Amino acid sequence: MNSEKSKRPLRDKSYTFAIKIVKLCQSLRSTEKEFILSRQILRSGTAIGALIRESEFAASKADFINKLTVSLKEANETEYWLMLLFDTEYLSVDDFEILKQDCRELIAMLVSSIKTSKK
């Protein structure tokens, strides 16, 4: 699996990020009793990787680019929810910084992949 991971950094990073988002939501629901925002970030944060996986079996180059573009939109939305959770004091500085950095790395990787695919 390690050799497979090095071949698919975007897929692996998005999956790892989704796991962190699921754990964040579990914590928000059990500790903070916060259900609305946690549902929003769970949806957008896990959709990133799901769309990347969908893109692997795209019907065409245009479909591939579209899947990655929608994934990019979900990543941008996830960053919004992270900022909102932080600014409303549901997230600690450390948790926010880690998740924000992961999300921004995914955004950068998606932008790069989309630009490369359009060439």
PDB file of N, CA and C in Angstrom:
ATOM      1  N   MET A   1       0.819  -1.197   0.000  1.00  0.00           N
ATOM      2  CA  MET A   1       0.000   0.000   0.000  1.00  0.00           C
ATOM      3  C   MET A   1       0.864   1.262   0.000  1.00  0.00           C
ATOM      4  N   ASN A   2       2.018   1.234   0.649  1.00  0.00           N
ATOM      5  CA  ASN A   2       2.883   2.404   0.670  1.00  0.00           C
ATOM      6  C   ASN A   2       3.327   2.819  -0.722  1.00  0.00           C
ATOM      7  N   SER A   3       3.667   1.832  -1.580  1.00  0.00           N
ATOM      8  CA  SER A   3       4.059   2.176  -2.939  1.00  0.00           C
ATOM      9  C   SER A   3       2.871   2.756  -3.705  1.00  0.00           C
ATOM     10  N   GLU A   4       1.666   2.277  -3.402  1.00  0.00           N
ATOM     11  CA  GLU A   4       0.465   2.803  -4.032  1.00  0.00           C
ATOM     12  C   GLU A   4       0.220   4.246  -3.598  1.00  0.00           C
ATOM     13  N   LYS A   5       0.480   4.547  -2.343  1.00  0.00           N
ATOM     14  CA  LYS A   5       0.249   5.888  -1.833  1.00  0.00           C
ATOM     15  C   LYS A   5       1.103   6.918  -2.563  1.00  0.00           C
ATOM     16  N   SER A   6       2.354   6.587  -2.847  1.00  0.00           N
ATOM     17  CA  SER A   6       3.233   7.547  -3.491  1.00  0.00           C
ATOM     18  C   SER A   6       2.768   7.870  -4.909  1.00  0.00           C
ATOM     19  N   LYS A   7       1.972   6.985  -5.515  1.00  0.00           N
ATOM     20  CA  LYS A   7       1.467   7.196  -6.867  1.00  0.00           C
ATOM     21  C   LYS A   7       0.196   8.042  -6.889  1.00  0.00           C
ATOM     22  N   ARG A   8      -0.475   8.171  -5.768  1.00  0.00           N
ATOM     23  CA  ARG A   8      -1.761   8.866  -5.713  1.00  0.00           C
ATOM     24  C   ARG A   8      -1.815   9.844  -4.537  1.00  0.00           C
ATOM     25  N   PRO A   9      -0.967  10.869  -4.553  1.00  0.00           N
ATOM     26  CA  PRO A   9      -0.935  11.777  -3.395  1.00  0.00           C
ATOM     27  C   PRO A   9      -2.242  12.538  -3.164  1.00  0.00           C
ATOM     28  N   LEU A  10      -2.922  12.952  -4.227  1.00  0.00           N
ATOM     29  CA  LEU A  10      -4.174  13.688  -4.070  1.00  0.00           C
ATOM     30  C   LEU A  10      -5.254  12.790  -3.474  1.00  0.00           C
ATOM     31  N   ARG A  11      -5.347  11.592  -3.993  1.00  0.00           N
ATOM     32  CA  ARG A  11      -6.323  10.619  -3.480  1.00  0.00           C
ATOM     33  C   ARG A  11      -6.056  10.317  -2.007  1.00  0.00           C
ATOM     34  N   ASP A  12      -4.804  10.071  -1.666  1.00  0.00           N
ATOM     35  CA  ASP A  12      -4.457   9.713  -0.291  1.00  0.00           C
ATOM     36  C   ASP A  12      -4.637  10.874   0.677  1.00  0.00           C
ATOM     37  N   LYS A  13      -4.232  12.072   0.249  1.00  0.00           N
ATOM     38  CA  LYS A  13      -4.362  13.246   1.121  1.00  0.00           C
ATOM     39  C   LYS A  13      -5.836  13.558   1.371  1.00  0.00           C
ATOM     40  N   SER A  14      -6.658  13.426   0.342  1.00  0.00           N
ATOM     41  CA  SER A  14      -8.082  13.717   0.521  1.00  0.00           C
ATOM     42  C   SER A  14      -8.746  12.684   1.426  1.00  0.00           C
ATOM     43  N   TYR A  15      -8.301  11.444   1.352  1.00  0.00           N
ATOM     44  CA  TYR A  15      -8.857  10.396   2.221  1.00  0.00           C
ATOM     45  C   TYR A  15      -8.458  10.637   3.674  1.00  0.00           C
ATOM     46  N   THR A  16      -7.205  10.956   3.893  1.00  0.00           N
ATOM     47  CA  THR A  16      -6.725  11.259   5.248  1.00  0.00           C
ATOM     48  C   THR A  16      -7.454  12.474   5.814  1.00  0.00           C
ATOM     49  N   PHE A  17      -7.666  13.479   4.965  1.00  0.00           N
ATOM     50  CA  PHE A  17      -8.395  14.674   5.383  1.00  0.00           C
ATOM     51  C   PHE A  17      -9.837  14.312   5.768  1.00  0.00           C
ATOM     52  N   ALA A  18     -10.473  13.453   4.979  1.00  0.00           N
ATOM     53  CA  ALA A  18     -11.849  13.038   5.275  1.00  0.00           C
ATOM     54  C   ALA A  18     -11.930  12.353   6.639  1.00  0.00           C
ATOM     55  N   ILE A  19     -10.943  11.542   6.952  1.00  0.00           N
ATOM     56  CA  ILE A  19     -10.909  10.879   8.264  1.00  0.00           C
ATOM     57  C   ILE A  19     -10.839  11.920   9.378  1.00  0.00           C
ATOM     58  N   LYS A  20      -9.993  12.922   9.197  1.00  0.00           N
ATOM     59  CA  LYS A  20      -9.885  13.990  10.207  1.00  0.00           C
ATOM     60  C   LYS A  20     -11.208  14.736  10.356  1.00  0.00           C
ATOM     61  N   ILE A  21     -11.886  14.964   9.241  1.00  0.00           N
ATOM     62  CA  ILE A  21     -13.171  15.664   9.287  1.00  0.00           C
ATOM     63  C   ILE A  21     -14.222  14.823  10.010  1.00  0.00           C
ATOM     64  N   VAL A  22     -14.261  13.540   9.740  1.00  0.00           N
ATOM     65  CA  VAL A  22     -15.211  12.650  10.420  1.00  0.00           C
ATOM     66  C   VAL A  22     -14.949  12.679  11.928  1.00  0.00           C
ATOM     67  N   LYS A  23     -13.684  12.598  12.316  1.00  0.00           N
ATOM     68  CA  LYS A  23     -13.346  12.635  13.753  1.00  0.00           C
ATOM     69  C   LYS A  23     -13.700  13.977  14.380  1.00  0.00           C
ATOM     70  N   LEU A  24     -13.492  15.057  13.631  1.00  0.00           N
ATOM     71  CA  LEU A  24     -13.883  16.376  14.117  1.00  0.00           C
ATOM     72  C   LEU A  24     -15.392  16.415  14.360  1.00  0.00           C
ATOM     73  N   CYS A  25     -16.162  15.911  13.422  1.00  0.00           N
ATOM     74  CA  CYS A  25     -17.621  15.913  13.558  1.00  0.00           C
ATOM     75  C   CYS A  25     -18.093  15.059  14.728  1.00  0.00           C
ATOM     76  N   GLN A  26     -17.451  13.924  14.908  1.00  0.00           N
ATOM     77  CA  GLN A  26     -17.793  13.082  16.055  1.00  0.00           C
ATOM     78  C   GLN A  26     -17.557  13.844  17.354  1.00  0.00           C
ATOM     79  N   SER A  27     -16.450  14.552  17.417  1.00  0.00           N
ATOM     80  CA  SER A  27     -16.122  15.339  18.605  1.00  0.00           C
ATOM     81  C   SER A  27     -17.105  16.492  18.804  1.00  0.00           C
ATOM     82  N   LEU A  28     -17.422  17.193  17.728  1.00  0.00           N
ATOM     83  CA  LEU A  28     -18.363  18.315  17.826  1.00  0.00           C
ATOM     84  C   LEU A  28     -19.724  17.850  18.328  1.00  0.00           C
ATOM     85  N   ARG A  29     -20.140  16.691  17.856  1.00  0.00           N
ATOM     86  CA  ARG A  29     -21.456  16.185  18.244  1.00  0.00           C
ATOM     87  C   ARG A  29     -21.481  15.662  19.669  1.00  0.00           C
ATOM     88  N   SER A  30     -20.430  14.968  20.072  1.00  0.00           N
ATOM     89  CA  SER A  30     -20.433  14.383  21.414  1.00  0.00           C
ATOM     90  C   SER A  30     -20.046  15.393  22.495  1.00  0.00           C
ATOM     91  N   THR A  31     -19.052  16.204  22.230  1.00  0.00           N
ATOM     92  CA  THR A  31     -18.556  17.137  23.237  1.00  0.00           C
ATOM     93  C   THR A  31     -19.337  18.446  23.267  1.00  0.00           C
ATOM     94  N   GLU A  32     -19.549  19.022  22.094  1.00  0.00           N
ATOM     95  CA  GLU A  32     -20.167  20.345  22.007  1.00  0.00           C
ATOM     96  C   GLU A  32     -21.672  20.304  21.743  1.00  0.00           C
ATOM     97  N   LYS A  33     -22.179  19.124  21.415  1.00  0.00           N
ATOM     98  CA  LYS A  33     -23.594  18.977  21.046  1.00  0.00           C
ATOM     99  C   LYS A  33     -23.943  19.903  19.867  1.00  0.00           C
ATOM    100  N   GLU A  34     -23.008  20.021  18.946  1.00  0.00           N
ATOM    101  CA  GLU A  34     -23.192  20.863  17.764  1.00  0.00           C
ATOM    102  C   GLU A  34     -23.485  19.953  16.577  1.00  0.00           C
ATOM    103  N   PHE A  35     -24.678  20.082  15.994  1.00  0.00           N
ATOM    104  CA  PHE A  35     -25.107  19.162  14.943  1.00  0.00           C
ATOM    105  C   PHE A  35     -25.232  19.819  13.567  1.00  0.00           C
ATOM    106  N   ILE A  36     -25.577  21.082  13.510  1.00  0.00           N
ATOM    107  CA  ILE A  36     -25.830  21.733  12.229  1.00  0.00           C
ATOM    108  C   ILE A  36     -24.520  21.990  11.478  1.00  0.00           C
ATOM    109  N   LEU A  37     -23.596  22.697  12.098  1.00  0.00           N
ATOM    110  CA  LEU A  37     -22.319  22.993  11.438  1.00  0.00           C
ATOM    111  C   LEU A  37     -21.519  21.722  11.188  1.00  0.00           C
ATOM    112  N   SER A  38     -21.591  20.788  12.114  1.00  0.00           N
ATOM    113  CA  SER A  38     -20.845  19.543  11.941  1.00  0.00           C
ATOM    114  C   SER A  38     -21.362  18.761  10.733  1.00  0.00           C
ATOM    115  N   ARG A  39     -22.641  18.818  10.494  1.00  0.00           N
ATOM    116  CA  ARG A  39     -23.216  18.136   9.326  1.00  0.00           C
ATOM    117  C   ARG A  39     -22.738  18.800   8.032  1.00  0.00           C
ATOM    118  N   GLN A  40     -22.652  20.122   8.047  1.00  0.00           N
ATOM    119  CA  GLN A  40     -22.208  20.855   6.856  1.00  0.00           C
ATOM    120  C   GLN A  40     -20.759  20.519   6.502  1.00  0.00           C
ATOM    121  N   ILE A  41     -19.885  20.576   7.499  1.00  0.00           N
ATOM    122  CA  ILE A  41     -18.474  20.308   7.214  1.00  0.00           C
ATOM    123  C   ILE A  41     -18.231  18.825   6.921  1.00  0.00           C
ATOM    124  N   LEU A  42     -19.040  17.964   7.509  1.00  0.00           N
ATOM    125  CA  LEU A  42     -18.926  16.535   7.200  1.00  0.00           C
ATOM    126  C   LEU A  42     -19.251  16.289   5.727  1.00  0.00           C
ATOM    127  N   ARG A  43     -20.300  16.920   5.242  1.00  0.00           N
ATOM    128  CA  ARG A  43     -20.700  16.746   3.855  1.00  0.00           C
ATOM    129  C   ARG A  43     -19.630  17.268   2.886  1.00  0.00           C
ATOM    130  N   SER A  44     -19.201  18.512   3.090  1.00  0.00           N
ATOM    131  CA  SER A  44     -18.235  19.097   2.148  1.00  0.00           C
ATOM    132  C   SER A  44     -16.843  18.495   2.308  1.00  0.00           C
ATOM    133  N   GLY A  45     -16.438  18.221   3.534  1.00  0.00           N
ATOM    134  CA  GLY A  45     -15.091  17.698   3.780  1.00  0.00           C
ATOM    135  C   GLY A  45     -14.868  16.287   3.283  1.00  0.00           C
ATOM    136  N   THR A  46     -15.924  15.480   3.280  1.00  0.00           N
ATOM    137  CA  THR A  46     -15.790  14.119   2.762  1.00  0.00           C
ATOM    138  C   THR A  46     -16.067  14.051   1.260  1.00  0.00           C
ATOM    139  N   ALA A  47     -16.788  15.032   0.738  1.00  0.00           N
ATOM    140  CA  ALA A  47     -17.080  15.071  -0.701  1.00  0.00           C
ATOM    141  C   ALA A  47     -15.819  15.299  -1.530  1.00  0.00           C
ATOM    142  N   ILE A  48     -14.832  15.976  -0.964  1.00  0.00           N
ATOM    143  CA  ILE A  48     -13.595  16.257  -1.695  1.00  0.00           C
ATOM    144  C   ILE A  48     -12.992  14.956  -2.223  1.00  0.00           C
ATOM    145  N   GLY A  49     -12.751  14.028  -1.331  1.00  0.00           N
ATOM    146  CA  GLY A  49     -12.146  12.754  -1.721  1.00  0.00           C
ATOM    147  C   GLY A  49     -13.061  11.893  -2.562  1.00  0.00           C
ATOM    148  N   ALA A  50     -14.363  11.943  -2.269  1.00  0.00           N
ATOM    149  CA  ALA A  50     -15.314  11.148  -3.050  1.00  0.00           C
ATOM    150  C   ALA A  50     -15.304  11.595  -4.512  1.00  0.00           C
ATOM    151  N   LEU A  51     -15.243  12.880  -4.742  1.00  0.00           N
ATOM    152  CA  LEU A  51     -15.209  13.405  -6.113  1.00  0.00           C
ATOM    153  C   LEU A  51     -13.885  13.078  -6.803  1.00  0.00           C
ATOM    154  N   ILE A  52     -12.809  13.104  -6.052  1.00  0.00           N
ATOM    155  CA  ILE A  52     -11.509  12.718  -6.618  1.00  0.00           C
ATOM    156  C   ILE A  52     -11.560  11.257  -7.049  1.00  0.00           C
ATOM    157  N   ARG A  53     -12.140  10.409  -6.215  1.00  0.00           N
ATOM    158  CA  ARG A  53     -12.288   8.994  -6.582  1.00  0.00           C
ATOM    159  C   ARG A  53     -13.186   8.843  -7.812  1.00  0.00           C
ATOM    160  N   GLU A  54     -14.259   9.614  -7.872  1.00  0.00           N
ATOM    161  CA  GLU A  54     -15.134   9.565  -9.045  1.00  0.00           C
ATOM    162  C   GLU A  54     -14.371   9.949 -10.307  1.00  0.00           C
ATOM    163  N   SER A  55     -13.480  10.915 -10.196  1.00  0.00           N
ATOM    164  CA  SER A  55     -12.741  11.398 -11.368  1.00  0.00           C
ATOM    165  C   SER A  55     -11.854  10.311 -11.977  1.00  0.00           C
ATOM    166  N   GLU A  56     -11.482   9.329 -11.180  1.00  0.00           N
ATOM    167  CA  GLU A  56     -10.611   8.259 -11.675  1.00  0.00           C
ATOM    168  C   GLU A  56     -11.293   7.431 -12.762  1.00  0.00           C
ATOM    169  N   PHE A  57     -12.614   7.433 -12.791  1.00  0.00           N
ATOM    170  CA  PHE A  57     -13.362   6.695 -13.801  1.00  0.00           C
ATOM    171  C   PHE A  57     -14.226   7.637 -14.638  1.00  0.00           C
ATOM    172  N   ALA A  58     -13.719   8.832 -14.857  1.00  0.00           N
ATOM    173  CA  ALA A  58     -14.446   9.814 -15.655  1.00  0.00           C
ATOM    174  C   ALA A  58     -14.647   9.295 -17.077  1.00  0.00           C
ATOM    175  N   ALA A  59     -15.744   9.687 -17.658  1.00  0.00           N
ATOM    176  CA  ALA A  59     -16.087   9.239 -19.013  1.00  0.00           C
ATOM    177  C   ALA A  59     -15.287   9.964 -20.089  1.00  0.00           C
ATOM    178  N   SER A  60     -14.759  11.138 -19.744  1.00  0.00           N
ATOM    179  CA  SER A  60     -14.001  11.925 -20.710  1.00  0.00           C
ATOM    180  C   SER A  60     -13.070  12.876 -19.955  1.00  0.00           C
ATOM    181  N   LYS A  61     -12.226  13.544 -20.702  1.00  0.00           N
ATOM    182  CA  LYS A  61     -11.341  14.544 -20.101  1.00  0.00           C
ATOM    183  C   LYS A  61     -12.162  15.670 -19.473  1.00  0.00           C
ATOM    184  N   ALA A  62     -13.217  16.087 -20.172  1.00  0.00           N
ATOM    185  CA  ALA A  62     -14.090  17.140 -19.642  1.00  0.00           C
ATOM    186  C   ALA A  62     -14.766  16.694 -18.346  1.00  0.00           C
ATOM    187  N   ASP A  63     -15.199  15.453 -18.287  1.00  0.00           N
ATOM    188  CA  ASP A  63     -15.821  14.905 -17.080  1.00  0.00           C
ATOM    189  C   ASP A  63     -14.804  14.869 -15.938  1.00  0.00           C
ATOM    190  N   PHE A  64     -13.575  14.461 -16.260  1.00  0.00           N
ATOM    191  CA  PHE A  64     -12.497  14.416 -15.273  1.00  0.00           C
ATOM    192  C   PHE A  64     -12.261  15.809 -14.681  1.00  0.00           C
ATOM    193  N   ILE A  65     -12.132  16.783 -15.544  1.00  0.00           N
ATOM    194  CA  ILE A  65     -11.896  18.170 -15.095  1.00  0.00           C
ATOM    195  C   ILE A  65     -13.075  18.665 -14.274  1.00  0.00           C
ATOM    196  N   ASN A  66     -14.292  18.332 -14.703  1.00  0.00           N
ATOM    197  CA  ASN A  66     -15.483  18.742 -13.964  1.00  0.00           C
ATOM    198  C   ASN A  66     -15.498  18.153 -12.557  1.00  0.00           C
ATOM    199  N   LYS A  67     -15.179  16.874 -12.420  1.00  0.00           N
ATOM    200  CA  LYS A  67     -15.165  16.237 -11.094  1.00  0.00           C
ATOM    201  C   LYS A  67     -14.147  16.920 -10.175  1.00  0.00           C
ATOM    202  N   LEU A  68     -12.967  17.204 -10.725  1.00  0.00           N
ATOM    203  CA  LEU A  68     -11.944  17.876  -9.920  1.00  0.00           C
ATOM    204  C   LEU A  68     -12.364  19.302  -9.572  1.00  0.00           C
ATOM    205  N   THR A  69     -13.052  19.964 -10.484  1.00  0.00           N
ATOM    206  CA  THR A  69     -13.514  21.334 -10.225  1.00  0.00           C
ATOM    207  C   THR A  69     -14.567  21.350  -9.120  1.00  0.00           C
ATOM    208  N   VAL A  70     -15.473  20.400  -9.144  1.00  0.00           N
ATOM    209  CA  VAL A  70     -16.484  20.311  -8.076  1.00  0.00           C
ATOM    210  C   VAL A  70     -15.792  19.978  -6.751  1.00  0.00           C
ATOM    211  N   SER A  71     -14.783  19.110  -6.791  1.00  0.00           N
ATOM    212  CA  SER A  71     -14.010  18.789  -5.589  1.00  0.00           C
ATOM    213  C   SER A  71     -13.337  20.047  -5.035  1.00  0.00           C
ATOM    214  N   LEU A  72     -12.810  20.875  -5.925  1.00  0.00           N
ATOM    215  CA  LEU A  72     -12.185  22.144  -5.521  1.00  0.00           C
ATOM    216  C   LEU A  72     -13.212  23.048  -4.843  1.00  0.00           C
ATOM    217  N   LYS A  73     -14.408  23.104  -5.371  1.00  0.00           N
ATOM    218  CA  LYS A  73     -15.471  23.908  -4.754  1.00  0.00           C
ATOM    219  C   LYS A  73     -15.806  23.387  -3.357  1.00  0.00           C
ATOM    220  N   GLU A  74     -15.841  22.071  -3.218  1.00  0.00           N
ATOM    221  CA  GLU A  74     -16.113  21.478  -1.901  1.00  0.00           C
ATOM    222  C   GLU A  74     -14.991  21.798  -0.912  1.00  0.00           C
ATOM    223  N   ALA A  75     -13.757  21.785  -1.396  1.00  0.00           N
ATOM    224  CA  ALA A  75     -12.617  22.122  -0.531  1.00  0.00           C
ATOM    225  C   ALA A  75     -12.708  23.579  -0.074  1.00  0.00           C
ATOM    226  N   ASN A  76     -13.085  24.457  -0.991  1.00  0.00           N
ATOM    227  CA  ASN A  76     -13.247  25.866  -0.645  1.00  0.00           C
ATOM    228  C   ASN A  76     -14.362  26.046   0.383  1.00  0.00           C
ATOM    229  N   GLU A  77     -15.469  25.320   0.197  1.00  0.00           N
ATOM    230  CA  GLU A  77     -16.567  25.380   1.161  1.00  0.00           C
ATOM    231  C   GLU A  77     -16.123  24.840   2.521  1.00  0.00           C
ATOM    232  N   THR A  78     -15.343  23.780   2.508  1.00  0.00           N
ATOM    233  CA  THR A  78     -14.851  23.198   3.761  1.00  0.00           C
ATOM    234  C   THR A  78     -13.987  24.207   4.513  1.00  0.00           C
ATOM    235  N   GLU A  79     -13.167  24.935   3.786  1.00  0.00           N
ATOM    236  CA  GLU A  79     -12.339  25.960   4.434  1.00  0.00           C
ATOM    237  C   GLU A  79     -13.228  27.018   5.098  1.00  0.00           C
ATOM    238  N   TYR A  80     -14.322  27.369   4.447  1.00  0.00           N
ATOM    239  CA  TYR A  80     -15.282  28.307   5.036  1.00  0.00           C
ATOM    240  C   TYR A  80     -15.824  27.776   6.367  1.00  0.00           C
ATOM    241  N   TRP A  81     -16.262  26.503   6.376  1.00  0.00           N
ATOM    242  CA  TRP A  81     -16.814  25.922   7.602  1.00  0.00           C
ATOM    243  C   TRP A  81     -15.758  25.844   8.700  1.00  0.00           C
ATOM    244  N   LEU A  82     -14.516  25.544   8.321  1.00  0.00           N
ATOM    245  CA  LEU A  82     -13.434  25.522   9.310  1.00  0.00           C
ATOM    246  C   LEU A  82     -13.257  26.900   9.944  1.00  0.00           C
ATOM    247  N   MET A  83     -13.261  27.933   9.114  1.00  0.00           N
ATOM    248  CA  MET A  83     -13.106  29.298   9.632  1.00  0.00           C
ATOM    249  C   MET A  83     -14.271  29.664  10.550  1.00  0.00           C
ATOM    250  N   LEU A  84     -15.483  29.287  10.142  1.00  0.00           N
ATOM    251  CA  LEU A  84     -16.652  29.585  10.964  1.00  0.00           C
ATOM    252  C   LEU A  84     -16.597  28.850  12.305  1.00  0.00           C
ATOM    253  N   LEU A  85     -16.221  27.587  12.267  1.00  0.00           N
ATOM    254  CA  LEU A  85     -16.092  26.816  13.513  1.00  0.00           C
ATOM    255  C   LEU A  85     -15.022  27.409  14.427  1.00  0.00           C
ATOM    256  N   PHE A  86     -13.943  27.868  13.830  1.00  0.00           N
ATOM    257  CA  PHE A  86     -12.882  28.494  14.629  1.00  0.00           C
ATOM    258  C   PHE A  86     -13.353  29.822  15.223  1.00  0.00           C
ATOM    259  N   ASP A  87     -13.949  30.658  14.392  1.00  0.00           N
ATOM    260  CA  ASP A  87     -14.378  31.989  14.850  1.00  0.00           C
ATOM    261  C   ASP A  87     -15.529  31.939  15.848  1.00  0.00           C
ATOM    262  N   THR A  88     -16.241  30.825  15.896  1.00  0.00           N
ATOM    263  CA  THR A  88     -17.310  30.651  16.884  1.00  0.00           C
ATOM    264  C   THR A  88     -16.842  29.790  18.065  1.00  0.00           C
ATOM    265  N   GLU A  89     -15.548  29.581  18.130  1.00  0.00           N
ATOM    266  CA  GLU A  89     -14.870  28.919  19.244  1.00  0.00           C
ATOM    267  C   GLU A  89     -15.235  27.444  19.419  1.00  0.00           C
ATOM    268  N   TYR A  90     -15.567  26.782  18.323  1.00  0.00           N
ATOM    269  CA  TYR A  90     -15.760  25.332  18.360  1.00  0.00           C
ATOM    270  C   TYR A  90     -14.459  24.585  18.086  1.00  0.00           C
ATOM    271  N   LEU A  91     -13.490  25.281  17.491  1.00  0.00           N
ATOM    272  CA  LEU A  91     -12.194  24.670  17.163  1.00  0.00           C
ATOM    273  C   LEU A  91     -11.074  25.392  17.890  1.00  0.00           C
ATOM    274  N   SER A  92     -10.127  24.633  18.406  1.00  0.00           N
ATOM    275  CA  SER A  92      -8.947  25.236  19.029  1.00  0.00           C
ATOM    276  C   SER A  92      -8.031  25.782  17.937  1.00  0.00           C
ATOM    277  N   VAL A  93      -7.111  26.630  18.314  1.00  0.00           N
ATOM    278  CA  VAL A  93      -6.150  27.195  17.362  1.00  0.00           C
ATOM    279  C   VAL A  93      -5.357  26.077  16.696  1.00  0.00           C
ATOM    280  N   ASP A  94      -4.872  25.122  17.475  1.00  0.00           N
ATOM    281  CA  ASP A  94      -4.070  24.026  16.925  1.00  0.00           C
ATOM    282  C   ASP A  94      -4.857  23.188  15.918  1.00  0.00           C
ATOM    283  N   ASP A  95      -6.058  22.783  16.291  1.00  0.00           N
ATOM    284  CA  ASP A  95      -6.884  21.977  15.382  1.00  0.00           C
ATOM    285  C   ASP A  95      -7.208  22.752  14.115  1.00  0.00           C
ATOM    286  N   PHE A  96      -7.550  24.016  14.278  1.00  0.00           N
ATOM    287  CA  PHE A  96      -7.871  24.852  13.130  1.00  0.00           C
ATOM    288  C   PHE A  96      -6.680  24.971  12.184  1.00  0.00           C
ATOM    289  N   GLU A  97      -5.508  25.259  12.720  1.00  0.00           N
ATOM    290  CA  GLU A  97      -4.329  25.445  11.876  1.00  0.00           C
ATOM    291  C   GLU A  97      -3.981  24.176  11.097  1.00  0.00           C
ATOM    292  N   ILE A  98      -4.077  23.041  11.756  1.00  0.00           N
ATOM    293  CA  ILE A  98      -3.772  21.762  11.083  1.00  0.00           C
ATOM    294  C   ILE A  98      -4.769  21.490   9.964  1.00  0.00           C
ATOM    295  N   LEU A  99      -6.050  21.607  10.274  1.00  0.00           N
ATOM    296  CA  LEU A  99      -7.082  21.326   9.275  1.00  0.00           C
ATOM    297  C   LEU A  99      -7.075  22.351   8.147  1.00  0.00           C
ATOM    298  N   LYS A 100      -6.850  23.614   8.484  1.00  0.00           N
ATOM    299  CA  LYS A 100      -6.790  24.660   7.462  1.00  0.00           C
ATOM    300  C   LYS A 100      -5.621  24.413   6.516  1.00  0.00           C
ATOM    301  N   GLN A 101      -4.474  24.040   7.065  1.00  0.00           N
ATOM    302  CA  GLN A 101      -3.293  23.758   6.240  1.00  0.00           C
ATOM    303  C   GLN A 101      -3.555  22.563   5.325  1.00  0.00           C
ATOM    304  N   ASP A 102      -4.135  21.511   5.864  1.00  0.00           N
ATOM    305  CA  ASP A 102      -4.474  20.340   5.045  1.00  0.00           C
ATOM    306  C   ASP A 102      -5.432  20.724   3.915  1.00  0.00           C
ATOM    307  N   CYS A 103      -6.431  21.516   4.242  1.00  0.00           N
ATOM    308  CA  CYS A 103      -7.419  21.937   3.256  1.00  0.00           C
ATOM    309  C   CYS A 103      -6.769  22.797   2.173  1.00  0.00           C
ATOM    310  N   ARG A 104      -5.921  23.710   2.560  1.00  0.00           N
ATOM    311  CA  ARG A 104      -5.245  24.569   1.582  1.00  0.00           C
ATOM    312  C   ARG A 104      -4.301  23.770   0.687  1.00  0.00           C
ATOM    313  N   GLU A 105      -3.666  22.744   1.248  1.00  0.00           N
ATOM    314  CA  GLU A 105      -2.817  21.872   0.427  1.00  0.00           C
ATOM    315  C   GLU A 105      -3.659  21.133  -0.609  1.00  0.00           C
ATOM    316  N   LEU A 106      -4.823  20.657  -0.197  1.00  0.00           N
ATOM    317  CA  LEU A 106      -5.729  19.999  -1.141  1.00  0.00           C
ATOM    318  C   LEU A 106      -6.169  20.969  -2.235  1.00  0.00           C
ATOM    319  N   ILE A 107      -6.493  22.185  -1.852  1.00  0.00           N
ATOM    320  CA  ILE A 107      -6.894  23.201  -2.831  1.00  0.00           C
ATOM    321  C   ILE A 107      -5.767  23.426  -3.836  1.00  0.00           C
ATOM    322  N   ALA A 108      -4.545  23.577  -3.356  1.00  0.00           N
ATOM    323  CA  ALA A 108      -3.405  23.803  -4.248  1.00  0.00           C
ATOM    324  C   ALA A 108      -3.191  22.612  -5.184  1.00  0.00           C
ATOM    325  N   MET A 109      -3.309  21.410  -4.654  1.00  0.00           N
ATOM    326  CA  MET A 109      -3.138  20.210  -5.477  1.00  0.00           C
ATOM    327  C   MET A 109      -4.240  20.099  -6.530  1.00  0.00           C
ATOM    328  N   LEU A 110      -5.458  20.422  -6.153  1.00  0.00           N
ATOM    329  CA  LEU A 110      -6.574  20.370  -7.100  1.00  0.00           C
ATOM    330  C   LEU A 110      -6.407  21.421  -8.194  1.00  0.00           C
ATOM    331  N   VAL A 111      -6.044  22.632  -7.821  1.00  0.00           N
ATOM    332  CA  VAL A 111      -5.826  23.691  -8.811  1.00  0.00           C
ATOM    333  C   VAL A 111      -4.749  23.258  -9.805  1.00  0.00           C
ATOM    334  N   SER A 112      -3.669  22.714  -9.283  1.00  0.00           N
ATOM    335  CA  SER A 112      -2.575  22.250 -10.142  1.00  0.00           C
ATOM    336  C   SER A 112      -3.037  21.131 -11.080  1.00  0.00           C
ATOM    337  N   SER A 113      -3.777  20.176 -10.540  1.00  0.00           N
ATOM    338  CA  SER A 113      -4.266  19.055 -11.354  1.00  0.00           C
ATOM    339  C   SER A 113      -5.222  19.533 -12.441  1.00  0.00           C
ATOM    340  N   ILE A 114      -6.075  20.473 -12.109  1.00  0.00           N
ATOM    341  CA  ILE A 114      -7.028  21.008 -13.093  1.00  0.00           C
ATOM    342  C   ILE A 114      -6.281  21.755 -14.197  1.00  0.00           C
ATOM    343  N   LYS A 115      -5.322  22.589 -13.818  1.00  0.00           N
ATOM    344  CA  LYS A 115      -4.540  23.333 -14.813  1.00  0.00           C
ATOM    345  C   LYS A 115      -3.779  22.389 -15.727  1.00  0.00           C
ATOM    346  N   THR A 116      -3.167  21.360 -15.154  1.00  0.00           N
ATOM    347  CA  THR A 116      -2.413  20.388 -15.954  1.00  0.00           C
ATOM    348  C   THR A 116      -3.346  19.647 -16.907  1.00  0.00           C
ATOM    349  N   SER A 117      -4.516  19.291 -16.440  1.00  0.00           N
ATOM    350  CA  SER A 117      -5.468  18.544 -17.257  1.00  0.00           C
ATOM    351  C   SER A 117      -6.022  19.362 -18.413  1.00  0.00           C
ATOM    352  N   LYS A 118      -6.041  20.661 -18.266  1.00  0.00           N
ATOM    353  CA  LYS A 118      -6.590  21.526 -19.326  1.00  0.00           C
ATOM    354  C   LYS A 118      -5.592  21.760 -20.458  1.00  0.00           C
ATOM    355  N   LYS A 119      -4.348  21.380 -20.270  1.00  0.00           N
ATOM    356  CA  LYS A 119      -3.322  21.609 -21.300  1.00  0.00           C
ATOM    357  C   LYS A 119      -3.510  20.695 -22.483  1.00  0.00           C
TER     358      LYS A 119
END
